[in-house]
Amino acid sequence: MLSIVKSMALQGLEGYLISVQVNISSGIPCWEVVGLPDACVKESKERVRISIHNSGFEIRSRKIIVNLAPAMKRKEGTGLDLPIAIGVLKSVGVINNCDFEDTIFIGELSLDGKINKINGVLPICVEALKLGIKKVVLPIDNVRRSKYYTRIRINCRGKFKRCCWCTKWRKKKKRY
């Protein structure tokens, strides 16, 4: 099943929108990240997989393809961990009935499920507002920087399991 989650990254001091497209299907189990990712983004698959598991969710071995569009721009850093994880859970049906059309997700995941601080939050929020984004979900450690930008709804989270305010998380460990 295909899911699409929005995120942003910086090129210099300007932010640009990234469409994180996650497709999970049957086939030989693998996890590929395409769309011109750097080494940090390619390594995200391990952080995301372990963070999902340590947050109480278990994803069966399947073919997982993550496309980061636009493919012509190089994606750098660890801020795409959170949107990739949200996309994976959305693809397997853990997150459903949520409208993320005007929301972007930014954050690095640690192995225990904590969402770590990222750099460049203020220029990302400025560019998000220009693009019509109304909500930004980011690490709680970035709240001091983002509170100066009041024209956009900021939702700060410390743990991956609690990062989506509109989702009813399942309490039991269940295989998807």
N, C-alpha and C. Protein backbone atom coordinates (compact mmCIF):
# COMPACT_ATOMS: atom_id res chain seq x y z
N MET A 1 0.84 -1.18 0.00
CA MET A 1 0.00 0.00 0.00
C MET A 1 0.89 1.24 0.00
N LEU A 2 0.49 2.24 -0.71
CA LEU A 2 1.25 3.48 -0.84
C LEU A 2 0.74 4.52 0.15
N SER A 3 1.68 5.20 0.80
CA SER A 3 1.33 6.35 1.64
C SER A 3 2.27 7.49 1.31
N ILE A 4 1.78 8.70 1.47
CA ILE A 4 2.58 9.89 1.17
C ILE A 4 2.53 10.81 2.38
N VAL A 5 3.71 11.22 2.83
CA VAL A 5 3.86 12.13 3.96
C VAL A 5 4.77 13.25 3.51
N LYS A 6 4.49 14.46 3.96
CA LYS A 6 5.31 15.61 3.56
C LYS A 6 6.37 15.91 4.61
N SER A 7 7.49 16.41 4.13
CA SER A 7 8.56 16.88 4.99
C SER A 7 9.26 18.03 4.28
N MET A 8 10.27 18.57 4.92
CA MET A 8 11.05 19.64 4.30
C MET A 8 12.51 19.45 4.66
N ALA A 9 13.35 19.98 3.80
CA ALA A 9 14.79 19.98 4.04
C ALA A 9 15.34 21.33 3.61
N LEU A 10 16.58 21.57 3.94
CA LEU A 10 17.22 22.84 3.59
C LEU A 10 18.22 22.65 2.46
N GLN A 11 18.24 23.63 1.57
CA GLN A 11 19.29 23.73 0.59
C GLN A 11 19.84 25.14 0.79
N GLY A 12 20.99 25.21 1.47
CA GLY A 12 21.49 26.52 1.90
C GLY A 12 20.63 26.98 3.06
N LEU A 13 20.05 28.17 2.92
CA LEU A 13 19.13 28.68 3.95
C LEU A 13 17.68 28.63 3.52
N GLU A 14 17.41 28.02 2.39
CA GLU A 14 16.04 27.94 1.91
C GLU A 14 15.52 26.52 2.03
N GLY A 15 14.28 26.40 2.48
CA GLY A 15 13.67 25.09 2.61
C GLY A 15 12.96 24.68 1.34
N TYR A 16 12.86 23.39 1.12
CA TYR A 16 12.09 22.88 0.00
C TYR A 16 11.29 21.67 0.46
N LEU A 17 10.14 21.50 -0.17
CA LEU A 17 9.20 20.45 0.20
C LEU A 17 9.67 19.10 -0.34
N ILE A 18 9.55 18.06 0.49
CA ILE A 18 9.87 16.70 0.10
C ILE A 18 8.63 15.84 0.29
N SER A 19 8.31 15.08 -0.72
CA SER A 19 7.22 14.13 -0.63
C SER A 19 7.84 12.76 -0.31
N VAL A 20 7.57 12.25 0.88
CA VAL A 20 8.08 10.95 1.30
C VAL A 20 7.02 9.92 0.96
N GLN A 21 7.30 9.13 -0.08
CA GLN A 21 6.35 8.15 -0.57
C GLN A 21 6.84 6.77 -0.14
N VAL A 22 6.01 6.07 0.62
CA VAL A 22 6.37 4.75 1.13
C VAL A 22 5.42 3.72 0.55
N ASN A 23 5.98 2.70 -0.08
CA ASN A 23 5.18 1.61 -0.62
C ASN A 23 5.63 0.30 0.04
N ILE A 24 4.68 -0.43 0.60
CA ILE A 24 4.96 -1.72 1.21
C ILE A 24 4.16 -2.75 0.45
N SER A 25 4.87 -3.79 -0.01
CA SER A 25 4.22 -4.82 -0.80
C SER A 25 4.81 -6.19 -0.46
N SER A 26 4.17 -7.22 -0.96
CA SER A 26 4.73 -8.55 -0.78
C SER A 26 5.87 -8.72 -1.77
N GLY A 27 6.72 -9.67 -1.50
CA GLY A 27 7.88 -9.90 -2.34
C GLY A 27 9.07 -10.23 -1.46
N ILE A 28 10.24 -10.26 -2.07
CA ILE A 28 11.46 -10.54 -1.32
C ILE A 28 11.67 -9.40 -0.32
N PRO A 29 11.78 -9.71 0.98
CA PRO A 29 11.94 -8.65 1.98
C PRO A 29 13.19 -7.80 1.72
N CYS A 30 12.97 -6.50 1.63
CA CYS A 30 14.08 -5.55 1.47
C CYS A 30 13.58 -4.18 1.87
N TRP A 31 14.50 -3.26 1.99
CA TRP A 31 14.17 -1.88 2.32
C TRP A 31 15.10 -1.01 1.50
N GLU A 32 14.54 -0.25 0.57
CA GLU A 32 15.32 0.61 -0.30
C GLU A 32 14.84 2.05 -0.16
N VAL A 33 15.81 2.97 -0.16
CA VAL A 33 15.51 4.40 -0.14
C VAL A 33 16.05 4.97 -1.44
N VAL A 34 15.17 5.55 -2.26
CA VAL A 34 15.56 6.12 -3.54
C VAL A 34 15.18 7.60 -3.57
N GLY A 35 15.74 8.32 -4.53
CA GLY A 35 15.45 9.75 -4.65
C GLY A 35 16.63 10.60 -4.26
N LEU A 36 17.84 10.16 -4.56
CA LEU A 36 19.10 10.86 -4.30
C LEU A 36 19.36 11.12 -2.81
N PRO A 37 19.28 10.06 -1.97
CA PRO A 37 19.60 10.24 -0.54
C PRO A 37 21.10 10.19 -0.30
N ASP A 38 21.57 10.93 0.71
CA ASP A 38 22.98 10.82 1.11
C ASP A 38 23.11 9.65 2.10
N ALA A 39 24.30 9.45 2.63
CA ALA A 39 24.55 8.31 3.51
C ALA A 39 23.67 8.34 4.76
N CYS A 40 23.46 9.54 5.36
CA CYS A 40 22.62 9.64 6.57
C CYS A 40 21.19 9.21 6.29
N VAL A 41 20.67 9.59 5.13
CA VAL A 41 19.30 9.24 4.78
C VAL A 41 19.20 7.74 4.49
N LYS A 42 20.20 7.18 3.83
CA LYS A 42 20.19 5.74 3.56
C LYS A 42 20.23 4.93 4.85
N GLU A 43 20.97 5.44 5.85
CA GLU A 43 21.06 4.76 7.14
C GLU A 43 19.76 4.87 7.94
N SER A 44 18.87 5.76 7.54
CA SER A 44 17.64 5.96 8.29
C SER A 44 16.80 4.70 8.37
N LYS A 45 16.93 3.82 7.39
CA LYS A 45 16.11 2.60 7.41
C LYS A 45 16.36 1.78 8.67
N GLU A 46 17.59 1.75 9.15
CA GLU A 46 17.88 1.00 10.38
C GLU A 46 17.33 1.73 11.61
N ARG A 47 17.51 3.06 11.67
CA ARG A 47 16.97 3.82 12.80
C ARG A 47 15.45 3.70 12.84
N VAL A 48 14.82 3.83 11.68
CA VAL A 48 13.36 3.78 11.62
C VAL A 48 12.84 2.40 12.01
N ARG A 49 13.43 1.36 11.48
CA ARG A 49 12.97 0.00 11.77
C ARG A 49 13.07 -0.31 13.27
N ILE A 50 14.20 0.02 13.88
CA ILE A 50 14.41 -0.27 15.30
C ILE A 50 13.54 0.64 16.18
N SER A 51 13.40 1.90 15.79
CA SER A 51 12.56 2.82 16.55
C SER A 51 11.09 2.38 16.53
N ILE A 52 10.62 1.92 15.38
CA ILE A 52 9.25 1.41 15.29
C ILE A 52 9.08 0.21 16.22
N HIS A 53 10.04 -0.70 16.17
CA HIS A 53 9.98 -1.90 17.02
C HIS A 53 10.01 -1.54 18.51
N ASN A 54 10.92 -0.64 18.89
CA ASN A 54 11.05 -0.26 20.30
C ASN A 54 9.93 0.65 20.79
N SER A 55 9.09 1.11 19.87
CA SER A 55 7.92 1.91 20.26
C SER A 55 6.68 1.03 20.40
N GLY A 56 6.86 -0.27 20.23
CA GLY A 56 5.75 -1.19 20.46
C GLY A 56 5.07 -1.71 19.22
N PHE A 57 5.60 -1.44 18.04
CA PHE A 57 5.02 -1.92 16.80
C PHE A 57 5.99 -2.90 16.15
N GLU A 58 5.43 -3.91 15.51
CA GLU A 58 6.29 -4.86 14.82
C GLU A 58 5.83 -4.96 13.37
N ILE A 59 6.73 -4.67 12.46
CA ILE A 59 6.44 -4.72 11.04
C ILE A 59 6.98 -6.03 10.49
N ARG A 60 6.14 -6.80 9.84
CA ARG A 60 6.58 -8.05 9.22
C ARG A 60 7.58 -7.76 8.11
N SER A 61 8.41 -8.73 7.82
CA SER A 61 9.38 -8.59 6.73
C SER A 61 8.63 -8.50 5.41
N ARG A 62 8.79 -7.38 4.74
CA ARG A 62 8.14 -7.13 3.46
C ARG A 62 9.06 -6.30 2.58
N LYS A 63 8.63 -6.07 1.39
CA LYS A 63 9.37 -5.21 0.47
C LYS A 63 8.93 -3.78 0.73
N ILE A 64 9.86 -2.95 1.22
CA ILE A 64 9.56 -1.55 1.55
C ILE A 64 10.41 -0.66 0.65
N ILE A 65 9.74 0.18 -0.12
CA ILE A 65 10.43 1.14 -0.99
C ILE A 65 10.03 2.54 -0.53
N VAL A 66 11.04 3.37 -0.26
CA VAL A 66 10.81 4.76 0.14
C VAL A 66 11.36 5.64 -0.97
N ASN A 67 10.49 6.46 -1.55
CA ASN A 67 10.90 7.40 -2.59
C ASN A 67 10.84 8.81 -2.02
N LEU A 68 11.93 9.56 -2.17
CA LEU A 68 12.00 10.94 -1.70
C LEU A 68 11.95 11.86 -2.92
N ALA A 69 10.80 12.48 -3.13
CA ALA A 69 10.63 13.33 -4.31
C ALA A 69 10.71 14.81 -3.89
N PRO A 70 11.31 15.67 -4.67
CA PRO A 70 11.80 15.48 -6.03
C PRO A 70 13.14 14.75 -6.05
N ALA A 71 13.26 13.83 -6.99
CA ALA A 71 14.45 12.99 -7.08
C ALA A 71 15.69 13.75 -7.53
N MET A 72 15.51 14.92 -8.13
CA MET A 72 16.67 15.65 -8.66
C MET A 72 17.46 16.41 -7.59
N LYS A 73 16.90 16.57 -6.40
CA LYS A 73 17.60 17.28 -5.32
C LYS A 73 18.15 16.28 -4.32
N ARG A 74 19.38 16.51 -3.90
CA ARG A 74 20.04 15.62 -2.93
C ARG A 74 19.40 15.84 -1.55
N LYS A 75 19.05 14.74 -0.89
CA LYS A 75 18.47 14.80 0.47
C LYS A 75 19.57 14.49 1.46
N GLU A 76 19.77 15.41 2.42
CA GLU A 76 20.84 15.27 3.40
C GLU A 76 20.28 15.34 4.81
N GLY A 77 21.01 14.73 5.74
CA GLY A 77 20.69 14.82 7.16
C GLY A 77 19.74 13.75 7.63
N THR A 78 19.42 13.85 8.91
CA THR A 78 18.61 12.82 9.56
C THR A 78 17.17 13.28 9.84
N GLY A 79 16.79 14.44 9.38
CA GLY A 79 15.46 14.97 9.64
C GLY A 79 14.34 14.25 8.93
N LEU A 80 14.66 13.32 8.03
CA LEU A 80 13.63 12.58 7.31
C LEU A 80 13.24 11.28 8.00
N ASP A 81 13.88 10.96 9.13
CA ASP A 81 13.55 9.73 9.86
C ASP A 81 12.07 9.69 10.27
N LEU A 82 11.59 10.77 10.86
CA LEU A 82 10.21 10.81 11.36
C LEU A 82 9.19 10.66 10.23
N PRO A 83 9.30 11.42 9.12
CA PRO A 83 8.30 11.22 8.07
C PRO A 83 8.36 9.83 7.43
N ILE A 84 9.55 9.24 7.34
CA ILE A 84 9.64 7.88 6.81
C ILE A 84 8.92 6.91 7.74
N ALA A 85 9.13 7.04 9.04
CA ALA A 85 8.46 6.16 10.01
C ALA A 85 6.94 6.34 9.99
N ILE A 86 6.48 7.58 9.89
CA ILE A 86 5.04 7.85 9.79
C ILE A 86 4.50 7.21 8.53
N GLY A 87 5.23 7.33 7.42
CA GLY A 87 4.81 6.71 6.16
C GLY A 87 4.72 5.20 6.24
N VAL A 88 5.68 4.58 6.92
CA VAL A 88 5.65 3.12 7.09
C VAL A 88 4.43 2.71 7.88
N LEU A 89 4.17 3.37 9.00
CA LEU A 89 3.01 3.01 9.82
C LEU A 89 1.69 3.31 9.12
N LYS A 90 1.69 4.34 8.30
CA LYS A 90 0.49 4.65 7.51
C LYS A 90 0.26 3.57 6.45
N SER A 91 1.33 3.08 5.84
CA SER A 91 1.22 2.06 4.80
C SER A 91 0.69 0.73 5.33
N VAL A 92 1.05 0.39 6.56
CA VAL A 92 0.59 -0.88 7.12
C VAL A 92 -0.73 -0.76 7.87
N GLY A 93 -1.29 0.44 7.97
CA GLY A 93 -2.59 0.63 8.56
C GLY A 93 -2.62 0.96 10.04
N VAL A 94 -1.46 1.20 10.65
CA VAL A 94 -1.45 1.60 12.06
C VAL A 94 -2.01 3.01 12.19
N ILE A 95 -1.61 3.88 11.29
CA ILE A 95 -2.14 5.24 11.24
C ILE A 95 -3.15 5.27 10.10
N ASN A 96 -4.39 5.62 10.44
CA ASN A 96 -5.40 5.73 9.40
C ASN A 96 -6.37 6.84 9.75
N ASN A 97 -7.17 7.23 8.80
CA ASN A 97 -8.16 8.28 8.97
C ASN A 97 -7.55 9.60 9.42
N CYS A 98 -6.32 9.86 9.01
CA CYS A 98 -5.67 11.13 9.34
C CYS A 98 -5.37 11.89 8.07
N ASP A 99 -5.68 13.16 8.07
CA ASP A 99 -5.40 14.01 6.91
C ASP A 99 -4.12 14.77 7.19
N PHE A 100 -3.06 14.41 6.48
CA PHE A 100 -1.77 15.07 6.64
C PHE A 100 -1.49 16.01 5.47
N GLU A 101 -2.52 16.44 4.75
CA GLU A 101 -2.33 17.26 3.55
C GLU A 101 -1.61 18.56 3.83
N ASP A 102 -1.91 19.19 4.95
CA ASP A 102 -1.29 20.49 5.27
C ASP A 102 -0.31 20.37 6.45
N THR A 103 0.30 19.20 6.61
CA THR A 103 1.21 18.93 7.73
C THR A 103 2.54 18.42 7.21
N ILE A 104 3.63 18.90 7.82
CA ILE A 104 4.94 18.33 7.53
C ILE A 104 5.51 17.74 8.82
N PHE A 105 6.32 16.70 8.66
CA PHE A 105 6.97 16.02 9.77
C PHE A 105 8.47 16.15 9.59
N ILE A 106 9.16 16.51 10.68
CA ILE A 106 10.61 16.66 10.64
C ILE A 106 11.17 16.11 11.95
N GLY A 107 12.20 15.29 11.89
CA GLY A 107 12.84 14.82 13.11
C GLY A 107 13.70 13.60 12.90
N GLU A 108 14.72 13.50 13.72
CA GLU A 108 15.60 12.33 13.72
C GLU A 108 15.13 11.39 14.82
N LEU A 109 15.09 10.10 14.51
CA LEU A 109 14.68 9.12 15.50
C LEU A 109 15.89 8.45 16.13
N SER A 110 15.82 8.28 17.44
CA SER A 110 16.84 7.48 18.12
C SER A 110 16.31 6.05 18.20
N LEU A 111 17.15 5.13 18.58
CA LEU A 111 16.75 3.73 18.59
C LEU A 111 15.69 3.43 19.64
N ASP A 112 15.61 4.24 20.70
CA ASP A 112 14.60 4.00 21.74
C ASP A 112 13.27 4.70 21.44
N GLY A 113 13.16 5.36 20.30
CA GLY A 113 11.91 6.02 19.93
C GLY A 113 11.85 7.50 20.24
N LYS A 114 12.91 8.06 20.80
CA LYS A 114 12.94 9.50 21.07
C LYS A 114 13.15 10.25 19.76
N ILE A 115 12.51 11.41 19.65
CA ILE A 115 12.68 12.25 18.47
C ILE A 115 13.73 13.29 18.82
N ASN A 116 14.87 13.23 18.14
CA ASN A 116 16.01 14.11 18.44
C ASN A 116 15.94 15.43 17.70
N LYS A 117 16.58 16.42 18.27
CA LYS A 117 16.66 17.79 17.74
C LYS A 117 17.32 17.79 16.36
N ILE A 118 16.83 18.69 15.51
CA ILE A 118 17.44 18.89 14.19
C ILE A 118 17.83 20.35 14.03
N ASN A 119 18.64 20.63 13.04
CA ASN A 119 19.06 22.00 12.74
C ASN A 119 18.18 22.60 11.64
N GLY A 120 18.04 23.94 11.65
CA GLY A 120 17.36 24.64 10.58
C GLY A 120 15.85 24.72 10.69
N VAL A 121 15.31 24.67 11.89
CA VAL A 121 13.86 24.66 12.06
C VAL A 121 13.23 26.00 11.64
N LEU A 122 13.84 27.11 11.99
CA LEU A 122 13.23 28.40 11.68
C LEU A 122 13.09 28.64 10.18
N PRO A 123 14.15 28.45 9.36
CA PRO A 123 13.95 28.62 7.92
C PRO A 123 12.96 27.62 7.33
N ILE A 124 12.88 26.44 7.90
CA ILE A 124 11.91 25.45 7.42
C ILE A 124 10.49 25.94 7.70
N CYS A 125 10.24 26.49 8.90
CA CYS A 125 8.91 27.01 9.24
C CYS A 125 8.53 28.20 8.35
N VAL A 126 9.49 29.06 8.05
CA VAL A 126 9.23 30.21 7.17
C VAL A 126 8.82 29.72 5.79
N GLU A 127 9.56 28.78 5.24
CA GLU A 127 9.25 28.27 3.90
C GLU A 127 7.94 27.47 3.91
N ALA A 128 7.67 26.73 4.98
CA ALA A 128 6.43 25.96 5.08
C ALA A 128 5.22 26.88 5.01
N LEU A 129 5.28 28.01 5.69
CA LEU A 129 4.18 28.97 5.66
C LEU A 129 3.99 29.52 4.25
N LYS A 130 5.07 29.80 3.56
CA LYS A 130 4.99 30.29 2.17
C LYS A 130 4.31 29.28 1.26
N LEU A 131 4.50 27.99 1.55
CA LEU A 131 3.93 26.93 0.72
C LEU A 131 2.51 26.53 1.14
N GLY A 132 1.96 27.19 2.15
CA GLY A 132 0.61 26.91 2.58
C GLY A 132 0.48 25.79 3.61
N ILE A 133 1.59 25.37 4.18
CA ILE A 133 1.56 24.35 5.22
C ILE A 133 1.05 25.00 6.50
N LYS A 134 0.10 24.33 7.17
CA LYS A 134 -0.49 24.90 8.38
C LYS A 134 0.05 24.31 9.67
N LYS A 135 0.60 23.06 9.60
CA LYS A 135 1.07 22.39 10.81
C LYS A 135 2.46 21.81 10.57
N VAL A 136 3.29 21.89 11.61
CA VAL A 136 4.62 21.31 11.58
C VAL A 136 4.79 20.45 12.83
N VAL A 137 5.14 19.18 12.64
CA VAL A 137 5.42 18.29 13.76
C VAL A 137 6.92 18.13 13.82
N LEU A 138 7.51 18.51 14.95
CA LEU A 138 8.96 18.48 15.09
C LEU A 138 9.38 18.11 16.49
N PRO A 139 10.68 17.86 16.71
CA PRO A 139 11.15 17.45 18.04
C PRO A 139 10.89 18.51 19.11
N ILE A 140 10.60 18.05 20.31
CA ILE A 140 10.31 18.96 21.41
C ILE A 140 11.53 19.82 21.75
N ASP A 141 12.73 19.31 21.48
CA ASP A 141 13.95 20.09 21.75
C ASP A 141 14.09 21.29 20.82
N ASN A 142 13.31 21.36 19.76
CA ASN A 142 13.35 22.50 18.85
C ASN A 142 12.31 23.56 19.18
N VAL A 143 11.57 23.39 20.26
CA VAL A 143 10.48 24.30 20.56
C VAL A 143 10.97 25.73 20.82
N ARG A 144 12.14 25.91 21.42
CA ARG A 144 12.63 27.27 21.69
C ARG A 144 12.83 28.06 20.42
N ARG A 145 13.36 27.43 19.40
CA ARG A 145 13.57 28.11 18.11
C ARG A 145 12.26 28.38 17.40
N SER A 146 11.35 27.42 17.43
CA SER A 146 10.12 27.55 16.64
C SER A 146 9.09 28.45 17.28
N LYS A 147 9.17 28.71 18.57
CA LYS A 147 8.13 29.52 19.22
C LYS A 147 8.14 30.97 18.76
N TYR A 148 9.22 31.41 18.13
CA TYR A 148 9.27 32.77 17.61
C TYR A 148 8.47 32.92 16.33
N TYR A 149 8.10 31.82 15.75
CA TYR A 149 7.34 31.85 14.51
C TYR A 149 5.91 31.43 14.81
N THR A 150 5.03 32.41 15.05
CA THR A 150 3.71 32.13 15.58
C THR A 150 2.62 31.99 14.52
N ARG A 151 2.93 32.18 13.25
CA ARG A 151 1.89 32.12 12.23
C ARG A 151 1.64 30.71 11.71
N ILE A 152 2.28 29.73 12.28
CA ILE A 152 2.10 28.34 11.86
C ILE A 152 1.92 27.49 13.12
N ARG A 153 1.08 26.47 13.03
CA ARG A 153 0.82 25.61 14.20
C ARG A 153 1.99 24.64 14.37
N ILE A 154 2.65 24.73 15.51
CA ILE A 154 3.78 23.87 15.81
C ILE A 154 3.32 22.80 16.79
N ASN A 155 3.59 21.55 16.47
CA ASN A 155 3.26 20.45 17.36
C ASN A 155 4.56 19.73 17.70
N CYS A 156 5.02 19.87 18.92
CA CYS A 156 6.30 19.29 19.33
C CYS A 156 6.08 17.97 20.06
N ARG A 157 6.90 17.01 19.73
CA ARG A 157 6.80 15.69 20.35
C ARG A 157 8.17 15.21 20.78
N GLY A 158 8.20 14.47 21.88
CA GLY A 158 9.45 13.93 22.38
C GLY A 158 9.65 12.47 22.04
N LYS A 159 8.55 11.73 21.88
CA LYS A 159 8.63 10.29 21.58
C LYS A 159 7.88 10.00 20.28
N PHE A 160 8.42 9.06 19.52
CA PHE A 160 7.81 8.69 18.25
C PHE A 160 6.39 8.17 18.43
N LYS A 161 6.16 7.39 19.46
CA LYS A 161 4.85 6.79 19.67
C LYS A 161 3.75 7.84 19.85
N ARG A 162 4.11 9.02 20.32
CA ARG A 162 3.12 10.06 20.59
C ARG A 162 3.15 11.20 19.58
N CYS A 163 3.82 10.97 18.44
CA CYS A 163 4.05 12.09 17.52
C CYS A 163 2.83 12.48 16.70
N CYS A 164 1.83 11.65 16.61
CA CYS A 164 0.66 11.98 15.79
C CYS A 164 -0.55 12.19 16.68
N TRP A 165 -0.97 13.41 16.85
CA TRP A 165 -2.04 13.75 17.77
C TRP A 165 -3.41 13.25 17.31
N CYS A 166 -3.59 12.95 16.03
CA CYS A 166 -4.92 12.54 15.55
C CYS A 166 -5.05 11.04 15.42
N THR A 167 -4.04 10.30 15.87
CA THR A 167 -4.04 8.85 15.69
C THR A 167 -4.37 8.15 16.99
N LYS A 168 -5.17 7.13 16.90
CA LYS A 168 -5.42 6.28 18.06
C LYS A 168 -4.41 5.15 17.99
N TRP A 169 -3.38 5.24 18.81
CA TRP A 169 -2.33 4.23 18.79
C TRP A 169 -2.83 2.97 19.46
N ARG A 170 -2.43 1.84 18.92
CA ARG A 170 -2.78 0.56 19.53
C ARG A 170 -1.87 0.30 20.70
N LYS A 171 -2.43 -0.16 21.80
CA LYS A 171 -1.65 -0.35 23.01
C LYS A 171 -0.86 -1.65 22.99
N LYS A 172 -1.41 -2.70 22.39
CA LYS A 172 -0.73 -3.99 22.38
C LYS A 172 0.27 -4.05 21.24
N LYS A 173 1.30 -4.84 21.43
CA LYS A 173 2.25 -5.10 20.37
C LYS A 173 1.56 -6.00 19.36
N LYS A 174 1.45 -5.55 18.14
CA LYS A 174 0.75 -6.31 17.13
C LYS A 174 1.58 -6.34 15.86
N ARG A 175 1.53 -7.43 15.15
CA ARG A 175 2.27 -7.57 13.89
C ARG A 175 1.42 -6.99 12.75
N TYR A 176 2.06 -6.21 11.86
CA TYR A 176 1.35 -5.61 10.73
C TYR A 176 1.93 -6.07 9.43
